[in-house]
N, C-alpha and C. Protein backbone atom coordinates (compact mmCIF):
# COMPACT_ATOMS: atom_id res chain seq x y z
N MET A 1 126.07 101.23 16.00
CA MET A 1 125.62 102.05 16.87
C MET A 1 126.17 103.31 17.66
N ALA A 2 126.56 104.48 17.89
CA ALA A 2 127.18 105.29 18.57
C ALA A 2 127.15 105.52 19.89
N ARG A 3 128.49 105.51 20.97
CA ARG A 3 128.66 105.44 21.83
C ARG A 3 128.92 106.66 22.62
N LEU A 4 128.35 107.34 23.97
CA LEU A 4 128.80 108.32 24.48
C LEU A 4 129.05 108.31 26.13
N TRP A 5 130.07 108.88 26.54
CA TRP A 5 130.63 108.62 27.96
C TRP A 5 130.06 109.99 28.41
N VAL A 6 129.80 109.68 30.04
CA VAL A 6 129.90 110.74 30.75
C VAL A 6 130.85 111.23 31.78
N ASP A 7 131.22 112.19 31.66
CA ASP A 7 132.20 112.57 33.00
C ASP A 7 131.43 113.90 33.32
N GLY A 8 132.79 114.66 34.08
CA GLY A 8 132.57 115.88 34.53
C GLY A 8 133.92 116.66 33.62
N PRO A 9 133.57 118.03 34.02
CA PRO A 9 134.25 119.17 33.23
C PRO A 9 135.56 118.98 32.92
N ALA A 10 136.42 118.90 32.31
CA ALA A 10 138.09 119.15 32.65
C ALA A 10 138.54 120.33 32.11
N PRO A 11 139.50 120.82 32.57
CA PRO A 11 140.05 122.48 32.26
C PRO A 11 140.22 122.22 30.62
N GLY A 12 140.24 123.12 30.13
CA GLY A 12 140.09 123.27 28.76
C GLY A 12 139.26 123.18 28.18
N ASP A 13 138.36 122.46 28.44
CA ASP A 13 137.17 122.19 27.70
C ASP A 13 136.44 123.32 26.78
N VAL A 14 136.02 122.80 25.53
CA VAL A 14 135.22 124.33 24.79
C VAL A 14 134.41 123.71 24.12
N MET A 15 133.47 124.26 23.87
CA MET A 15 132.15 123.51 22.91
C MET A 15 131.70 124.97 22.13
N CYS A 16 130.46 124.20 21.04
CA CYS A 16 130.32 125.86 20.35
C CYS A 16 128.42 125.63 20.71
N PRO A 17 128.51 126.40 21.57
CA PRO A 17 126.67 125.90 21.85
C PRO A 17 125.43 126.44 21.10
N LEU A 18 124.10 125.75 20.80
CA LEU A 18 123.47 125.29 20.10
C LEU A 18 122.75 126.74 20.12
N ASP A 19 123.04 126.91 18.08
CA ASP A 19 122.55 128.36 18.09
C ASP A 19 123.43 129.44 18.33
N GLU A 20 124.76 129.27 18.70
CA GLU A 20 125.70 130.45 19.10
C GLU A 20 127.11 130.62 18.18
N TRP A 21 127.63 130.90 17.88
CA TRP A 21 128.87 131.10 17.68
C TRP A 21 129.78 132.01 18.16
N PRO A 22 131.29 132.03 18.51
CA PRO A 22 131.97 130.93 18.24
C PRO A 22 132.32 130.04 19.56
N LYS A 23 133.19 129.30 19.47
CA LYS A 23 133.23 128.01 20.66
C LYS A 23 133.10 128.71 21.84
N GLN A 24 133.08 128.31 22.84
CA GLN A 24 133.00 128.94 24.05
C GLN A 24 133.78 127.82 25.40
N GLU A 25 134.36 128.26 25.90
CA GLU A 25 134.56 127.60 26.78
C GLU A 25 133.56 126.83 28.39
N VAL A 26 133.84 125.50 27.92
CA VAL A 26 132.87 125.06 29.32
C VAL A 26 132.54 125.73 30.63
N SER A 27 133.62 126.03 31.05
CA SER A 27 133.76 127.31 32.68
C SER A 27 132.98 128.23 32.37
N ASP A 28 132.98 128.98 30.93
CA ASP A 28 132.48 130.33 30.94
C ASP A 28 131.01 129.74 30.97
N LEU A 29 130.73 128.97 30.36
CA LEU A 29 129.02 128.49 30.07
C LEU A 29 128.39 128.63 31.20
N LEU A 30 129.38 127.47 32.18
CA LEU A 30 128.67 127.28 33.44
C LEU A 30 128.49 128.54 34.44
N GLY A 31 129.46 129.24 34.35
CA GLY A 31 129.72 130.98 35.02
C GLY A 31 127.95 131.76 34.30
N GLU A 32 127.92 131.44 33.15
CA GLU A 32 126.62 131.81 32.55
C GLU A 32 125.67 131.56 33.42
N ALA A 33 125.23 130.28 32.92
CA ALA A 33 124.27 129.59 33.70
C ALA A 33 124.02 129.73 35.40
N ARG A 34 124.84 130.44 36.49
CA ARG A 34 124.99 130.73 37.31
C ARG A 34 125.16 129.47 38.39
N ILE A 35 125.69 128.47 37.60
CA ILE A 35 125.99 127.79 38.73
C ILE A 35 127.41 127.80 39.40
N PRO A 36 127.21 127.40 40.64
CA PRO A 36 128.07 127.82 41.62
C PRO A 36 129.54 127.36 41.75
N VAL A 37 130.76 127.65 41.53
CA VAL A 37 132.04 127.03 41.49
C VAL A 37 131.98 125.25 41.62
N SER A 38 132.03 125.57 43.76
CA SER A 38 131.47 124.72 44.28
C SER A 38 130.82 123.41 43.47
N GLU A 39 130.18 123.61 42.29
CA GLU A 39 129.24 122.67 42.22
C GLU A 39 129.55 122.07 40.66
N ARG A 40 130.44 123.19 39.78
CA ARG A 40 130.49 122.99 38.64
C ARG A 40 131.38 121.34 38.42
N ALA A 41 132.26 121.12 39.19
CA ALA A 41 132.83 119.69 39.07
C ALA A 41 131.96 118.60 39.05
N GLY A 42 130.78 118.21 39.57
CA GLY A 42 129.59 117.38 39.60
C GLY A 42 128.41 117.76 38.60
N VAL A 43 128.81 118.78 37.37
CA VAL A 43 127.86 118.88 36.34
C VAL A 43 128.31 117.63 35.32
N PRO A 44 127.20 117.10 34.72
CA PRO A 44 127.54 116.01 33.92
C PRO A 44 127.82 116.51 32.31
N MET A 45 129.22 115.79 31.63
CA MET A 45 129.31 116.25 30.79
C MET A 45 128.89 114.58 29.92
N VAL A 46 128.33 114.74 28.34
CA VAL A 46 128.45 113.86 27.73
C VAL A 46 129.51 113.98 26.93
N ARG A 47 130.26 113.07 26.10
CA ARG A 47 131.16 112.90 25.41
C ARG A 47 131.22 112.17 24.46
N THR A 48 131.86 112.25 23.34
CA THR A 48 132.02 111.61 22.18
C THR A 48 132.40 110.13 22.49
N ALA A 49 133.60 110.47 23.09
CA ALA A 49 134.84 109.76 23.87
C ALA A 49 135.24 109.84 25.35
N PRO A 50 136.42 109.09 25.44
CA PRO A 50 136.74 109.88 27.11
C PRO A 50 137.52 110.82 26.95
N GLY A 51 137.04 111.77 27.20
CA GLY A 51 137.91 113.27 27.22
C GLY A 51 137.52 113.70 25.38
N GLY A 52 136.64 113.06 25.21
CA GLY A 52 136.52 114.20 23.87
C GLY A 52 135.69 114.96 23.68
N ALA A 53 135.49 115.23 22.50
CA ALA A 53 134.34 116.52 22.59
C ALA A 53 132.80 116.18 22.71
N VAL A 54 132.44 117.68 23.34
CA VAL A 54 131.47 117.39 24.33
C VAL A 54 130.02 118.05 23.61
N VAL A 55 129.59 116.62 23.89
CA VAL A 55 128.03 116.86 23.35
C VAL A 55 126.96 117.65 23.86
N TRP A 56 126.86 117.46 25.19
CA TRP A 56 125.98 117.85 25.96
C TRP A 56 126.31 118.18 27.19
N VAL A 57 126.48 119.48 27.84
CA VAL A 57 126.69 119.76 29.22
C VAL A 57 125.12 119.88 29.83
N ALA A 58 124.96 118.58 30.85
CA ALA A 58 123.91 118.09 31.18
C ALA A 58 122.81 118.73 31.50
N GLY A 59 121.83 119.51 31.19
CA GLY A 59 121.13 120.68 31.93
C GLY A 59 121.71 122.01 31.36
N VAL A 60 122.28 122.33 30.47
CA VAL A 60 123.13 123.70 30.46
C VAL A 60 122.80 123.42 28.88
N ARG A 61 123.64 123.25 27.92
CA ARG A 61 123.42 123.29 26.87
C ARG A 61 124.30 121.99 25.85
N ALA A 62 123.35 122.22 24.80
CA ALA A 62 123.96 120.98 23.66
C ALA A 62 124.93 122.05 22.90
N ASP A 63 125.45 120.78 22.24
CA ASP A 63 126.81 121.25 21.21
C ASP A 63 126.24 121.62 19.71
N GLU A 64 126.11 122.83 18.96
CA GLU A 64 125.41 122.69 17.27
C GLU A 64 126.23 121.88 16.67
N ARG A 65 127.08 121.22 16.77
CA ARG A 65 127.59 120.44 15.63
C ARG A 65 127.24 118.89 16.17
N PHE A 66 126.73 118.82 17.12
CA PHE A 66 125.82 117.61 17.47
C PHE A 66 124.11 117.23 17.34
N LYS A 67 123.86 118.63 16.73
CA LYS A 67 122.07 118.92 16.99
C LYS A 67 121.34 118.28 15.38
N CYS A 68 120.65 117.65 15.69
CA CYS A 68 119.52 116.52 14.89
C CYS A 68 119.22 117.99 13.72
N THR A 69 119.47 117.17 12.41
CA THR A 69 119.22 117.86 10.54
C THR A 69 118.51 116.95 10.58
N ALA A 70 118.26 117.37 9.20
CA ALA A 70 117.41 116.60 7.92
C ALA A 70 118.01 115.04 7.80
N ALA A 71 119.62 114.82 7.91
CA ALA A 71 120.61 113.96 7.54
C ALA A 71 120.44 113.07 8.89
N THR A 72 120.21 113.58 10.06
CA THR A 72 120.34 112.20 11.05
C THR A 72 119.00 111.17 10.99
N ARG A 73 119.75 109.90 11.40
CA ARG A 73 119.34 108.57 10.94
C ARG A 73 119.03 108.42 12.86
N VAL A 74 119.32 108.56 13.65
CA VAL A 74 119.47 108.31 14.82
C VAL A 74 119.29 109.65 16.17
N ALA A 75 118.65 109.03 17.08
CA ALA A 75 118.58 110.29 17.78
C ALA A 75 118.53 109.45 19.20
N TYR A 76 119.30 110.51 20.60
CA TYR A 76 119.12 109.59 21.89
C TYR A 76 118.43 110.23 22.36
N LEU A 77 117.54 110.87 23.25
CA LEU A 77 117.21 111.14 24.46
C LEU A 77 117.31 111.20 25.43
N LEU A 78 118.30 112.25 26.01
CA LEU A 78 119.17 111.70 27.69
C LEU A 78 118.37 113.12 28.10
N ARG A 79 118.31 112.50 29.55
CA ARG A 79 117.90 113.13 30.66
C ARG A 79 118.11 113.30 31.99
N VAL A 80 118.17 114.40 32.92
CA VAL A 80 119.13 114.09 33.71
C VAL A 80 118.15 113.82 35.33
N VAL A 81 118.14 113.18 35.99
CA VAL A 81 117.20 112.16 36.72
C VAL A 81 118.14 112.93 38.45
N ASP A 82 117.51 113.83 39.04
CA ASP A 82 118.12 113.80 40.72
C ASP A 82 117.87 113.28 41.04
N ALA A 83 118.99 112.24 41.63
CA ALA A 83 119.10 111.22 42.52
C ALA A 83 118.34 111.40 44.31
N GLU A 84 118.20 113.22 44.44
CA GLU A 84 118.01 113.33 45.87
C GLU A 84 116.73 112.85 46.06
């Protein structure tokens, strides 16, 4: 079974937004999503490993490289729940 890690954005993070190309910096993606700079450090980032490839910028976009295909055998349903 694959493991996933959750942490915050790091400088230089890049991803391939679902159904788009080329790679994009996560900081630009967060700006396009109109997330205030003061809140960006708290956006959960789902990764393949600590400091690894970004699978999903929670609540914003998934990465094209990790989408479900006909070859997919295991899928996880991830959801962001507001603690407030």
